[in-house]
C-alpha atoms as a PDB file:
ATOM      1  CA  MET A   1     123.262  95.200 104.525  1.00  0.00           C
ATOM      2  CA  GLY A   2     120.352  93.748 102.498  1.00  0.00           C
ATOM      3  CA  ALA A   3     121.948  90.243 102.624  1.00  0.00           C
ATOM      4  CA  ILE A   4     122.209  90.598 106.419  1.00  0.00           C
ATOM      5  CA  ILE A   5     118.572  91.630 106.913  1.00  0.00           C
ATOM      6  CA  LEU A   6     117.478  88.790 104.462  1.00  0.00           C
ATOM      7  CA  CYS A   7     119.536  86.018 106.199  1.00  0.00           C
ATOM      8  CA  VAL A   8     118.414  87.241 109.711  1.00  0.00           C
ATOM      9  CA  PHE A   9     114.692  87.212 108.524  1.00  0.00           C
ATOM     10  CA  ALA A  10     115.158  83.733 106.873  1.00  0.00           C
ATOM     11  CA  ALA A  11     116.464  82.331 110.080  1.00  0.00           C
ATOM     12  CA  ILE A  12     113.801  83.942 112.151  1.00  0.00           C
ATOM     13  CA  VAL A  13     110.769  82.934 109.836  1.00  0.00           C
ATOM     14  CA  TRP A  14     112.082  79.356 109.461  1.00  0.00           C
ATOM     15  CA  ILE A  15     112.460  79.076 113.434  1.00  0.00           C
ATOM     16  CA  ILE A  16     109.088  80.653 114.061  1.00  0.00           C
ATOM     17  CA  GLY A  17     107.598  78.052 111.439  1.00  0.00           C
ATOM     18  CA  ILE A  18     109.114  75.126 113.044  1.00  0.00           C
ATOM     19  CA  TRP A  19     108.206  76.318 116.644  1.00  0.00           C
ATOM     20  CA  ALA A  20     104.634  77.206 115.699  1.00  0.00           C
ATOM     21  CA  THR A  21     103.877  73.769 114.477  1.00  0.00           C
ATOM     22  CA  GLY A  22     105.730  71.907 117.226  1.00  0.00           C
ATOM     23  CA  ASN A  23     107.955  69.986 114.866  1.00  0.00           C
ATOM     24  CA  GLY A  24     111.163  71.184 116.385  1.00  0.00           C
ATOM     25  CA  SER A  25     114.282  69.203 116.869  1.00  0.00           C
ATOM     26  CA  ALA A  26     117.864  70.455 117.349  1.00  0.00           C
ATOM     27  CA  LEU A  27     118.661  69.927 113.730  1.00  0.00           C
ATOM     28  CA  LEU A  28     115.628  71.707 112.361  1.00  0.00           C
ATOM     29  CA  TYR A  29     116.511  74.728 114.616  1.00  0.00           C
ATOM     30  CA  ALA A  30     120.052  74.655 113.536  1.00  0.00           C
ATOM     31  CA  ILE A  31     119.620  74.429 109.804  1.00  0.00           C
ATOM     32  CA  PRO A  32     118.613  78.202 109.312  1.00  0.00           C
ATOM     33  CA  LEU A  33     121.369  79.362 111.486  1.00  0.00           C
ATOM     34  CA  VAL A  34     124.068  77.323 109.552  1.00  0.00           C
ATOM     35  CA  VAL A  35     122.635  78.325 106.132  1.00  0.00           C
ATOM     36  CA  SER A  36     122.398  82.066 107.104  1.00  0.00           C
ATOM     37  CA  GLY A  37     125.663  82.149 108.764  1.00  0.00           C
ATOM     38  CA  ALA A  38     127.422  80.378 105.635  1.00  0.00           C
ATOM     39  CA  ILE A  39     125.715  82.934 103.237  1.00  0.00           C
ATOM     40  CA  LEU A  40     126.758  85.840 105.405  1.00  0.00           C
ATOM     41  CA  ILE A  41     130.343  84.588 105.531  1.00  0.00           C
ATOM     42  CA  ALA A  42     130.450  84.436 101.758  1.00  0.00           C
ATOM     43  CA  VAL A  43     128.840  87.968 101.566  1.00  0.00           C
ATOM     44  CA  MET A  44     131.429  89.450 103.906  1.00  0.00           C
ATOM     45  CA  ARG A  45     134.227  87.962 101.991  1.00  0.00           C
ATOM     46  CA  ARG A  46     132.801  89.065  98.561  1.00  0.00           C
ATOM     47  CA  SER A  47     131.462  92.518  99.497  1.00  0.00           C
ATOM     48  CA  GLY A  48     133.571  95.685  99.526  1.00  0.00           C
ATOM     49  CA  HIS A  49     132.427  99.047 100.543  1.00  0.00           C
ATOM     50  CA  ARG A  50     130.852 100.926  97.631  1.00  0.00           C
ATOM     51  CA  ALA A  51     130.501 104.657  97.822  1.00  0.00           C
ATOM     52  CA  VAL A  52     126.842 105.810  97.183  1.00  0.00           C
ATOM     53  CA  PRO A  53     126.351 109.392  96.229  1.00  0.00           C
ATOM     54  CA  PRO A  54     124.453 111.359  98.859  1.00  0.00           C
ATOM     55  CA  VAL A  55     121.497 112.037  96.445  1.00  0.00           C
ATOM     56  CA  ALA A  56     121.077 108.364  95.632  1.00  0.00           C
ATOM     57  CA  ARG A  57     121.517 107.542  99.354  1.00  0.00           C
ATOM     58  CA  ARG A  58     118.607 109.877 100.203  1.00  0.00           C
ATOM     59  CA  ARG A  59     116.383 108.309  97.445  1.00  0.00           C
ATOM     60  CA  ILE A  60     117.136 104.756  98.475  1.00  0.00           C
ATOM     61  CA  GLY A  61     116.481 105.854 102.146  1.00  0.00           C
ATOM     62  CA  ARG A  62     113.084 107.214 101.182  1.00  0.00           C
ATOM     63  CA  VAL A  63     112.042 104.184  99.108  1.00  0.00           C
ATOM     64  CA  VAL A  64     113.113 101.681 101.799  1.00  0.00           C
ATOM     65  CA  GLY A  65     111.365 103.683 104.473  1.00  0.00           C
ATOM     66  CA  PHE A  66     108.124 103.940 102.459  1.00  0.00           C
ATOM     67  CA  ALA A  67     108.255 100.213 101.468  1.00  0.00           C
ATOM     68  CA  SER A  68     109.101  99.145 105.147  1.00  0.00           C
ATOM     69  CA  ALA A  69     106.326 101.376 106.597  1.00  0.00           C
ATOM     70  CA  PHE A  70     103.878  99.822 104.103  1.00  0.00           C
ATOM     71  CA  GLU A  71     105.055  96.406 104.960  1.00  0.00           C
ATOM     72  CA  GLY A  72     104.838  96.924 108.712  1.00  0.00           C
ATOM     73  CA  PHE A  73     101.464  98.611 108.678  1.00  0.00           C
ATOM     74  CA  ALA A  74     100.093  95.844 106.321  1.00  0.00           C
ATOM     75  CA  ILE A  75     101.474  92.964 108.541  1.00  0.00           C
ATOM     76  CA  LEU A  76     100.048  94.642 111.752  1.00  0.00           C
ATOM     77  CA  ALA A  77      96.630  95.092 109.947  1.00  0.00           C
ATOM     78  CA  ALA A  78      96.736  91.457 108.717  1.00  0.00           C
ATOM     79  CA  TYR A  79      97.428  90.169 112.161  1.00  0.00           C
ATOM     80  CA  ALA A  80      94.662  92.274 113.562  1.00  0.00           C
ATOM     81  CA  LEU A  81      92.035  91.211 110.789  1.00  0.00           C
ATOM     82  CA  VAL A  82      92.828  87.492 110.305  1.00  0.00           C
ATOM     83  CA  PRO A  83      91.916  86.263 113.732  1.00  0.00           C
ATOM     84  CA  GLN A  84      88.572  88.141 113.375  1.00  0.00           C
ATOM     85  CA  MET A  85      88.005  85.894 110.417  1.00  0.00           C
ATOM     86  CA  GLN A  86      88.642  82.777 112.418  1.00  0.00           C
ATOM     87  CA  ALA A  87      91.732  81.982 110.144  1.00  0.00           C
ATOM     88  CA  VAL A  88      94.735  82.503 112.302  1.00  0.00           C
ATOM     89  CA  ASP A  89      96.769  79.897 110.341  1.00  0.00           C
ATOM     90  CA  PHE A  90      96.171  81.925 107.148  1.00  0.00           C
ATOM     91  CA  ALA A  91      98.297  84.783 108.449  1.00  0.00           C
ATOM     92  CA  LEU A  92     101.625  83.617 107.239  1.00  0.00           C
ATOM     93  CA  PRO A  93     100.436  83.285 103.532  1.00  0.00           C
ATOM     94  CA  VAL A  94      99.146  86.848 103.933  1.00  0.00           C
ATOM     95  CA  VAL A  95     102.367  88.004 105.187  1.00  0.00           C
ATOM     96  CA  ALA A  96     104.342  86.175 102.383  1.00  0.00           C
ATOM     97  CA  ILE A  97     102.209  88.231  99.974  1.00  0.00           C
ATOM     98  CA  ILE A  98     102.633  91.503 101.784  1.00  0.00           C
ATOM     99  CA  VAL A  99     106.405  90.979 101.910  1.00  0.00           C
ATOM    100  CA  GLY A 100     106.519  90.105  98.238  1.00  0.00           C
ATOM    101  CA  LEU A 101     104.733  93.331  97.411  1.00  0.00           C
ATOM    102  CA  HIS A 102     107.307  95.162  99.566  1.00  0.00           C
ATOM    103  CA  PHE A 103     110.065  94.042  97.346  1.00  0.00           C
ATOM    104  CA  ILE A 104     108.649  95.641  94.276  1.00  0.00           C
ATOM    105  CA  PRO A 105     109.549  99.257  95.018  1.00  0.00           C
ATOM    106  CA  LEU A 106     112.964  98.002  96.363  1.00  0.00           C
ATOM    107  CA  ALA A 107     113.679  96.408  92.869  1.00  0.00           C
ATOM    108  CA  ARG A 108     113.448  99.919  91.470  1.00  0.00           C
ATOM    109  CA  VAL A 109     116.365 101.223  93.738  1.00  0.00           C
ATOM    110  CA  PHE A 110     118.388  98.067  94.355  1.00  0.00           C
ATOM    111  CA  ALA A 111     118.852  94.806  92.461  1.00  0.00           C
ATOM    112  CA  GLY A 112     116.517  95.304  89.707  1.00  0.00           C
ATOM    113  CA  ARG A 113     115.244  91.988  88.146  1.00  0.00           C
ATOM    114  CA  LEU A 114     116.400  90.079  91.149  1.00  0.00           C
ATOM    115  CA  TYR A 115     114.063  91.746  93.606  1.00  0.00           C
ATOM    116  CA  TYR A 116     111.170  91.668  91.169  1.00  0.00           C
ATOM    117  CA  PHE A 117     111.884  87.845  90.860  1.00  0.00           C
ATOM    118  CA  THR A 118     111.944  87.597  94.724  1.00  0.00           C
ATOM    119  CA  ALA A 119     108.695  89.692  94.736  1.00  0.00           C
ATOM    120  CA  ALA A 120     106.969  87.168  92.441  1.00  0.00           C
ATOM    121  CA  LEU A 121     108.186  84.144  94.304  1.00  0.00           C
ATOM    122  CA  LEU A 122     106.914  85.269  97.610  1.00  0.00           C
ATOM    123  CA  ILE A 123     103.459  86.334  96.224  1.00  0.00           C
ATOM    124  CA  VAL A 124     103.154  82.925  94.537  1.00  0.00           C
ATOM    125  CA  LEU A 125     104.297  81.232  97.690  1.00  0.00           C
ATOM    126  CA  GLY A 126     101.706  83.117  99.741  1.00  0.00           C
ATOM    127  CA  THR A 127      98.975  82.451  97.279  1.00  0.00           C
ATOM    128  CA  THR A 128      99.684  78.751  96.900  1.00  0.00           C
ATOM    129  CA  GLY A 129      99.874  78.505 100.609  1.00  0.00           C
ATOM    130  CA  PHE A 130      96.229  79.286 100.981  1.00  0.00           C
ATOM    131  CA  GLY A 131      95.543  76.006  99.132  1.00  0.00           C
ATOM    132  CA  ILE A 132      97.207  73.806 101.667  1.00  0.00           C
ATOM    133  CA  PRO A 133      94.379  72.485 103.840  1.00  0.00           C
ATOM    134  CA  ASN A 134      96.410  71.351 106.812  1.00  0.00           C
ATOM    135  CA  PRO A 135      97.340  74.304 108.942  1.00  0.00           C
ATOM    136  CA  ASP A 136     100.686  72.981 110.217  1.00  0.00           C
ATOM    137  CA  LEU A 137     101.842  71.960 106.570  1.00  0.00           C
ATOM    138  CA  ARG A 138     100.674  75.483 105.444  1.00  0.00           C
ATOM    139  CA  ILE A 139     102.791  77.110 108.122  1.00  0.00           C
ATOM    140  CA  LEU A 140     105.794  74.931 107.386  1.00  0.00           C
ATOM    141  CA  TYR A 141     105.317  75.481 103.607  1.00  0.00           C
ATOM    142  CA  VAL A 142     105.218  79.136 103.867  1.00  0.00           C
ATOM    143  CA  SER A 143     107.810  79.845 106.514  1.00  0.00           C
ATOM    144  CA  ILE A 144     110.476  77.379 105.059  1.00  0.00           C
ATOM    145  CA  GLY A 145     109.545  78.684 101.607  1.00  0.00           C
ATOM    146  CA  ILE A 146     110.189  82.273 102.749  1.00  0.00           C
ATOM    147  CA  ALA A 147     113.567  81.425 104.098  1.00  0.00           C
ATOM    148  CA  CYS A 148     114.625  79.624 100.965  1.00  0.00           C
ATOM    149  CA  ILE A 149     113.457  82.543  98.799  1.00  0.00           C
ATOM    150  CA  TYR A 150     115.486  84.942 100.932  1.00  0.00           C
ATOM    151  CA  TRP A 151     118.666  82.617 100.754  1.00  0.00           C
ATOM    152  CA  LEU A 152     118.172  82.158  96.979  1.00  0.00           C
ATOM    153  CA  THR A 153     117.980  85.901  96.650  1.00  0.00           C
ATOM    154  CA  CYS A 154     121.357  86.469  98.664  1.00  0.00           C
ATOM    155  CA  ILE A 155     123.086  83.609  96.559  1.00  0.00           C
ATOM    156  CA  VAL A 156     122.003  85.013  93.135  1.00  0.00           C
ATOM    157  CA  ALA A 157     122.985  88.419  94.310  1.00  0.00           C
ATOM    158  CA  LEU A 158     126.391  87.110  95.372  1.00  0.00           C
ATOM    159  CA  ARG A 159     126.945  85.212  92.235  1.00  0.00           C
ATOM    160  CA  SER A 160     126.143  88.104  90.146  1.00  0.00           C
ATOM    161  CA  GLY A 161     128.326  90.497  92.141  1.00  0.00           C
ATOM    162  CA  ASN A 162     125.491  92.528  93.551  1.00  0.00           C
ATOM    163  CA  VAL A 163     126.591  92.252  97.038  1.00  0.00           C
END
């Protein structure tokens, strides 16, 4: 399920970045759909159903619920505050950092070090995104970077057998 979520959001964030900057072409819109589709096909072929004990399932559900609620609230707050600071094009780097922070508690209940690595990459991506002076380049850098980090996470999980 995590790979499905990551691939869907990878495609969405890539497409939003391309659309927001007006740099769209059929190829640029197709790339995330093809990559996400290929990864999902590999995941479907590799993954089998793993029984999770009910106690662990409840704990996982609580952590995912808390992390997702934090992420959603923080992103809404960022999109409410960033325009007030006259810096709308800085919203995506803020979101990358928030999403990175969201992966830290998930690492404790899921893929361990892999999600810590994902969190660190997203936080570094968002932080370095602030240093890009051109708004369109900043949006492209962060949106395509998020997508690539999500895909990398899925591929590493696939190769290690954690999918």
